[in-house]
Protein backbone atom coordinates (compact mmCIF):
# COMPACT_ATOMS: atom_id res chain seq x y z
CA MET A 1 54.84 68.64 87.65
CA THR A 2 53.52 67.16 84.42
CA ALA A 3 54.68 66.98 80.83
CA GLU A 4 52.69 66.08 77.75
CA THR A 5 52.96 62.57 76.32
CA ALA A 6 54.45 63.86 73.04
CA ASP A 7 57.51 65.12 74.93
CA PRO A 8 59.29 62.23 76.69
CA ALA A 9 61.46 62.99 79.68
CA ALA A 10 64.75 62.85 77.79
CA ASP A 11 63.57 65.34 75.16
CA LEU A 12 62.19 67.70 77.80
CA THR A 13 65.44 67.55 79.74
CA ASP A 14 67.35 68.44 76.57
CA ARG A 15 65.01 71.36 75.90
CA LEU A 16 65.49 72.69 79.41
CA ARG A 17 69.26 72.35 79.10
CA ALA A 18 69.14 74.39 75.88
CA VAL A 19 67.26 77.35 77.40
CA ARG A 20 69.29 80.55 77.12
CA GLY A 21 66.60 83.11 77.89
CA VAL A 22 63.23 83.29 79.64
CA VAL A 23 60.09 85.29 78.89
CA PHE A 24 57.84 85.56 81.94
CA ASP A 25 54.22 86.61 81.99
CA MET A 26 53.48 89.02 84.84
CA ASP A 27 49.91 88.71 86.20
CA GLY A 28 49.22 85.21 87.52
CA THR A 29 52.82 84.12 86.97
CA LEU A 30 55.19 86.42 88.85
CA VAL A 31 52.65 88.60 90.68
CA LEU A 32 48.99 89.19 91.38
CA GLY A 33 47.39 92.61 91.56
CA ASP A 34 43.98 94.17 91.07
CA ARG A 35 42.29 94.70 87.71
CA HIS A 36 44.24 97.96 87.28
CA ASN A 37 47.59 96.20 87.92
CA HIS A 38 47.88 97.95 91.30
CA GLY A 39 48.65 96.35 94.66
CA LEU A 40 51.08 93.92 93.07
CA THR A 41 52.25 91.06 95.30
CA PRO A 42 54.96 88.53 94.33
CA LEU A 43 53.73 84.98 93.92
CA PRO A 44 55.59 82.27 95.90
CA GLY A 45 59.05 81.61 94.53
CA ALA A 46 59.00 84.43 91.99
CA LEU A 47 61.58 86.66 93.69
CA GLU A 48 63.88 83.74 94.41
CA LEU A 49 63.68 82.37 90.87
CA THR A 50 64.31 85.63 89.05
CA ALA A 51 67.21 86.49 91.39
CA ALA A 52 68.70 83.04 90.79
CA LEU A 53 68.43 83.39 87.01
CA THR A 54 70.22 86.72 87.16
CA ALA A 55 72.94 85.21 89.33
CA ARG A 56 73.28 82.29 86.90
CA GLY A 57 73.68 84.63 83.94
CA LEU A 58 70.42 83.52 82.30
CA PRO A 59 68.69 86.62 80.87
CA TRP A 60 64.96 87.13 81.38
CA VAL A 61 62.26 89.62 80.54
CA THR A 62 58.72 90.14 81.73
CA PHE A 63 55.99 90.59 79.13
CA THR A 64 52.55 91.74 80.22
CA ASN A 65 49.58 92.48 77.97
CA GLY A 66 48.64 95.23 80.42
CA THR A 67 48.79 98.79 79.12
CA THR A 68 47.70 100.78 82.17
CA ARG A 69 51.32 101.90 82.67
CA THR A 70 54.39 102.47 80.56
CA PRO A 71 56.99 99.67 80.61
CA GLU A 72 59.24 101.84 82.79
CA VAL A 73 56.50 102.40 85.37
CA TYR A 74 55.71 98.68 85.44
CA ALA A 75 59.41 97.95 85.95
CA GLU A 76 59.59 100.40 88.85
CA ALA A 77 56.49 98.84 90.41
CA LEU A 78 58.16 95.43 90.25
CA ARG A 79 61.40 96.79 91.70
CA ARG A 80 59.47 98.25 94.64
CA ILE A 81 58.27 94.77 95.62
CA GLY A 82 61.68 93.15 95.30
CA PHE A 83 62.30 92.23 91.65
CA ASP A 84 65.65 93.26 90.22
CA LEU A 85 65.08 94.17 86.58
CA PRO A 86 66.09 97.12 84.39
CA ASP A 87 63.51 99.14 82.48
CA ASP A 88 64.35 97.46 79.19
CA ALA A 89 63.52 94.02 80.64
CA MET A 90 59.85 95.03 80.94
CA LEU A 91 57.76 94.60 77.81
CA THR A 92 54.15 95.55 77.05
CA PRO A 93 52.12 95.68 73.82
CA ALA A 94 53.29 99.30 73.53
CA THR A 95 56.87 97.99 73.26
CA SER A 96 56.09 95.58 70.46
CA ALA A 97 53.76 98.10 68.80
CA VAL A 98 56.61 100.60 68.57
CA ASP A 99 58.90 98.00 67.01
CA HIS A 100 56.23 96.94 64.53
CA PHE A 101 54.99 100.43 63.66
CA LEU A 102 58.50 101.64 62.91
CA ALA A 103 59.15 98.57 60.77
CA MET A 104 55.88 99.13 58.89
CA GLY A 105 56.50 102.85 58.42
CA HIS A 106 53.50 103.92 60.51
CA ARG A 107 54.01 107.55 61.45
CA SER A 108 50.71 108.17 63.25
CA ALA A 109 48.34 106.15 65.41
CA LEU A 110 44.92 106.77 66.87
CA VAL A 111 45.28 105.30 70.35
CA LEU A 112 42.35 103.95 72.35
CA GLY A 113 44.11 103.82 75.69
CA GLY A 114 45.90 105.92 78.28
CA GLU A 115 49.44 107.16 78.74
CA GLY A 116 50.74 103.64 79.25
CA LEU A 117 50.00 103.03 75.57
CA GLN A 118 50.51 106.52 74.21
CA GLU A 119 53.80 107.63 75.78
CA PRO A 120 56.04 104.89 74.29
CA LEU A 121 54.73 105.74 70.82
CA ARG A 122 55.42 109.46 71.31
CA ARG A 123 58.95 108.76 72.51
CA ALA A 124 59.53 106.73 69.35
CA GLY A 125 58.46 109.68 67.19
CA ILE A 126 55.03 108.30 66.29
CA GLU A 127 52.27 110.92 66.31
CA VAL A 128 49.42 110.04 68.67
CA VAL A 129 46.10 111.06 67.12
CA ALA A 130 43.14 111.86 69.37
CA PRO A 131 39.93 109.86 68.76
CA LYS A 132 37.86 112.87 67.69
CA GLY A 133 35.80 113.57 64.60
CA LYS A 134 37.03 111.93 61.39
CA PRO A 135 40.77 111.59 62.00
CA GLU A 136 43.40 110.27 59.62
CA ALA A 137 46.05 107.89 60.95
CA ASP A 138 48.25 105.05 59.78
CA ALA A 139 47.12 102.80 62.62
CA VAL A 140 44.43 102.40 65.27
CA LEU A 141 45.71 100.76 68.48
CA ALA A 142 43.36 99.53 71.22
CA GLY A 143 44.45 98.75 74.77
CA TRP A 144 43.10 99.05 78.31
CA TYR A 145 40.42 101.72 77.91
CA PRO A 146 37.37 101.37 80.18
CA GLU A 147 36.45 104.99 79.34
CA PHE A 148 35.63 104.00 75.74
CA THR A 149 32.68 105.96 74.32
CA MET A 150 30.53 106.06 71.21
CA ALA A 151 32.52 109.10 70.08
CA ASP A 152 35.71 107.02 70.33
CA LEU A 153 34.07 104.26 68.31
CA GLU A 154 32.97 106.60 65.58
CA ALA A 155 36.40 108.23 65.28
CA ALA A 156 38.19 104.88 65.22
CA CYS A 157 35.85 103.51 62.55
CA HIS A 158 36.41 106.57 60.36
CA ALA A 159 40.16 106.13 60.70
CA VAL A 160 40.01 102.43 59.79
CA LEU A 161 37.65 103.06 56.89
CA GLY A 162 40.12 105.72 55.76
CA GLY A 163 42.90 103.14 55.55
CA ALA A 164 44.34 102.81 59.08
CA THR A 165 45.45 99.33 60.14
CA LEU A 166 43.61 98.07 63.22
CA TYR A 167 45.76 96.71 66.06
CA SER A 168 44.84 95.14 69.38
CA SER A 169 47.05 94.98 72.45
CA SER A 170 45.38 91.72 73.46
CA GLN A 171 42.48 89.58 72.32
CA SER A 172 42.13 87.85 75.67
CA VAL A 173 38.69 87.91 77.23
CA PHE A 174 40.09 87.75 80.79
CA PHE A 175 43.33 88.30 82.69
CA ALA A 176 44.30 87.09 86.17
CA SER A 177 43.90 89.44 89.14
CA ALA A 178 43.76 89.08 92.92
CA ASP A 179 39.98 89.48 92.57
CA GLY A 180 39.73 86.58 90.12
CA ARG A 181 39.27 86.88 86.37
CA ALA A 182 39.04 90.46 85.10
CA LEU A 183 37.58 91.42 81.73
CA GLY A 184 39.96 93.00 79.22
CA THR A 185 38.94 95.87 76.96
CA SER A 186 41.06 95.50 73.79
CA ARG A 187 39.05 92.58 72.43
CA VAL A 188 35.71 94.22 73.12
CA ILE A 189 36.76 97.49 71.48
CA CYS A 190 38.21 95.77 68.41
CA ALA A 191 35.09 93.61 68.06
CA MET A 192 32.97 96.75 67.76
CA ILE A 193 35.31 98.39 65.26
CA SER A 194 35.56 95.20 63.19
CA SER A 195 31.80 94.75 63.20
CA VAL A 196 31.32 98.22 61.72
CA THR A 197 34.27 98.29 59.30
CA GLY A 198 34.68 94.64 58.34
CA VAL A 199 38.42 94.99 59.10
CA ALA A 200 40.04 92.38 61.37
CA GLU A 201 42.55 93.40 64.01
CA GLN A 202 46.21 92.44 64.19
CA VAL A 203 47.56 91.62 67.67
CA VAL A 204 50.80 93.23 68.83
CA GLY A 205 50.83 91.75 72.33
CA LYS A 206 50.77 88.09 73.32
CA PRO A 207 50.33 85.56 71.71
CA SER A 208 51.48 87.20 68.47
CA LEU A 209 54.83 86.53 66.86
CA THR A 210 55.14 90.32 66.75
CA GLY A 211 55.28 90.25 70.55
CA LEU A 212 57.55 87.21 70.73
CA HIS A 213 60.06 88.66 68.26
CA CYS A 214 60.19 91.84 70.34
CA ALA A 215 61.28 89.71 73.32
CA VAL A 216 63.76 87.82 71.12
CA ARG A 217 65.41 91.08 70.14
CA ARG A 218 65.69 92.20 73.76
CA LEU A 219 67.18 88.90 74.90
CA GLY A 220 69.36 88.21 71.88
CA VAL A 221 68.27 84.57 71.96
CA GLU A 222 66.74 82.57 69.12
CA PRO A 223 63.18 81.31 69.78
CA ARG A 224 64.07 77.61 70.07
CA ARG A 225 66.31 78.45 73.02
CA LEU A 226 63.62 80.45 74.82
CA ALA A 227 61.38 79.31 77.66
CA VAL A 228 58.04 81.13 77.77
CA VAL A 229 56.48 80.91 81.24
CA GLY A 230 52.88 81.90 81.90
CA ASP A 231 49.44 81.05 83.24
CA ASP A 232 47.31 81.45 80.11
CA PRO A 233 47.35 78.71 77.44
CA GLU A 234 45.79 81.06 74.89
CA LEU A 235 48.59 83.56 75.38
CA GLU A 236 51.99 82.32 76.56
CA MET A 237 51.61 78.68 75.55
CA ALA A 238 50.19 79.57 72.13
CA MET A 239 53.01 82.08 71.60
CA ALA A 240 55.64 79.50 72.55
CA ARG A 241 54.15 76.89 70.24
CA ARG A 242 53.97 79.30 67.30
CA ALA A 243 57.61 80.30 67.70
CA GLY A 244 59.07 76.87 68.47
CA ALA A 245 59.95 77.94 72.03
CA LEU A 246 59.52 75.86 75.20
CA GLY A 247 56.15 76.54 76.84
CA ILE A 248 55.99 76.21 80.63
CA ALA A 249 52.61 76.70 82.30
CA VAL A 250 52.09 77.68 85.93
CA ALA A 251 48.93 76.91 87.89
CA THR A 252 48.86 80.20 89.83
CA GLY A 253 46.58 82.14 87.49
CA ILE A 254 44.11 81.16 84.79
CA HIS A 255 45.67 77.77 83.98
CA THR A 256 45.09 74.76 86.25
CA ALA A 257 47.38 71.75 86.38
CA ASP A 258 44.62 69.28 85.40
CA ARG A 259 43.71 71.25 82.28
CA SER A 260 46.77 70.47 80.12
CA GLY A 261 45.43 67.26 78.63
CA THR A 262 42.22 68.91 77.45
CA LEU A 263 43.89 71.76 75.59
CA PRO A 264 44.31 71.78 71.81
CA PRO A 265 47.87 70.99 70.70
CA GLU A 266 48.58 74.59 69.71
CA GLN A 267 47.93 75.75 73.30
CA ARG A 268 49.33 72.80 75.23
CA PRO A 269 52.32 73.46 77.49
CA HIS A 270 55.40 71.30 77.18
CA LEU A 271 55.61 71.35 80.98
CA THR A 272 53.22 72.34 83.78
CA VAL A 273 54.40 73.31 87.27
CA ASP A 274 52.48 74.45 90.33
CA GLY A 275 54.30 77.79 90.41
CA VAL A 276 57.46 79.50 89.16
CA GLY A 277 59.39 78.45 92.26
CA ALA A 278 59.46 74.89 90.88
CA LEU A 279 61.72 76.11 88.06
CA LEU A 280 64.63 76.90 90.39
CA ASP A 281 66.07 73.41 89.91
CA LEU A 282 65.07 73.07 86.24
CA LEU A 283 66.32 76.14 84.40
CA PRO A 284 70.06 76.11 83.72
CA THR A 285 73.01 78.42 83.94
CA ALA A 286 74.79 78.94 80.64
CA THR A 287 76.65 75.64 81.16
CA SER A 288 74.67 73.61 83.71
CA ARG A 289 72.67 70.52 82.79
CA PRO A 290 69.63 69.98 85.05
CA HIS A 291 67.93 66.62 85.28
CA VAL A 292 64.14 66.39 84.99
CA SER A 293 62.19 63.74 86.85
CA GLU A 294 58.81 63.19 85.20
CA SER A 295 55.54 62.41 86.88
CA THR A 296 52.68 60.61 85.15
CA PRO A 297 51.70 62.70 82.12
CA PRO A 298 48.11 63.81 81.55
CA PRO A 299 46.03 62.23 78.79
CA ALA A 300 46.98 63.43 75.31
């Protein structure tokens, strides 16, 4: 376990004591699956930790940038392999997109993705516009969409040039899978649309504050009392840093334990552990006060 030099042991202990809610990444943190988020397998310690947090009364949610399934289907998939979480404790970019679109008054969205992205919008009363011809829409939302075609590109560009706001589920190049790094599609799709239209995308998934504030609302916990746990410095650690939350990196996915000292400050975890199981003795109950024993920190 390592902590950055800027956070001495006493300060880190205080931050851990103050945690009142946890946001977990899914792939590479709690589970590993294939590039389609199928064949999910719990990572060591994940079932034990989440069960312990529930027993301690410390609320937690899981936030994945995956959009191959609806949040409810993801939650059911996790329950089938032993995780005890309700549907509303599972967040995806579709969840935060719904929150943001309703707040912005978007009533229609051209969706470049499957039912995992479309269905939550429909349930919220947002019209899902097909990527055909020269459609009009308030928003264009890109997610996991390996079937993307030139016809989709043309329709999306017409919508954006007609005034639609461009949104991306994730700008990550890769995500962790059991087969190693897998290439995402949202960034690639948005890059093409932006190149044609000159319009930059807004991110609704991690590491955006849009995504973090969605989790905050679900947990009812202010950001400074949140721990954000994940394997990707560009996602979970960047999101934690932006919000003033505690960023805890695990070395079971994209992140490696020896990488912390080479990261820019805005992506650097406050704490790095080998896996989520190490957090059993560190995260508190509502009243407990764990003690943190520091190892030698990495170079700043």
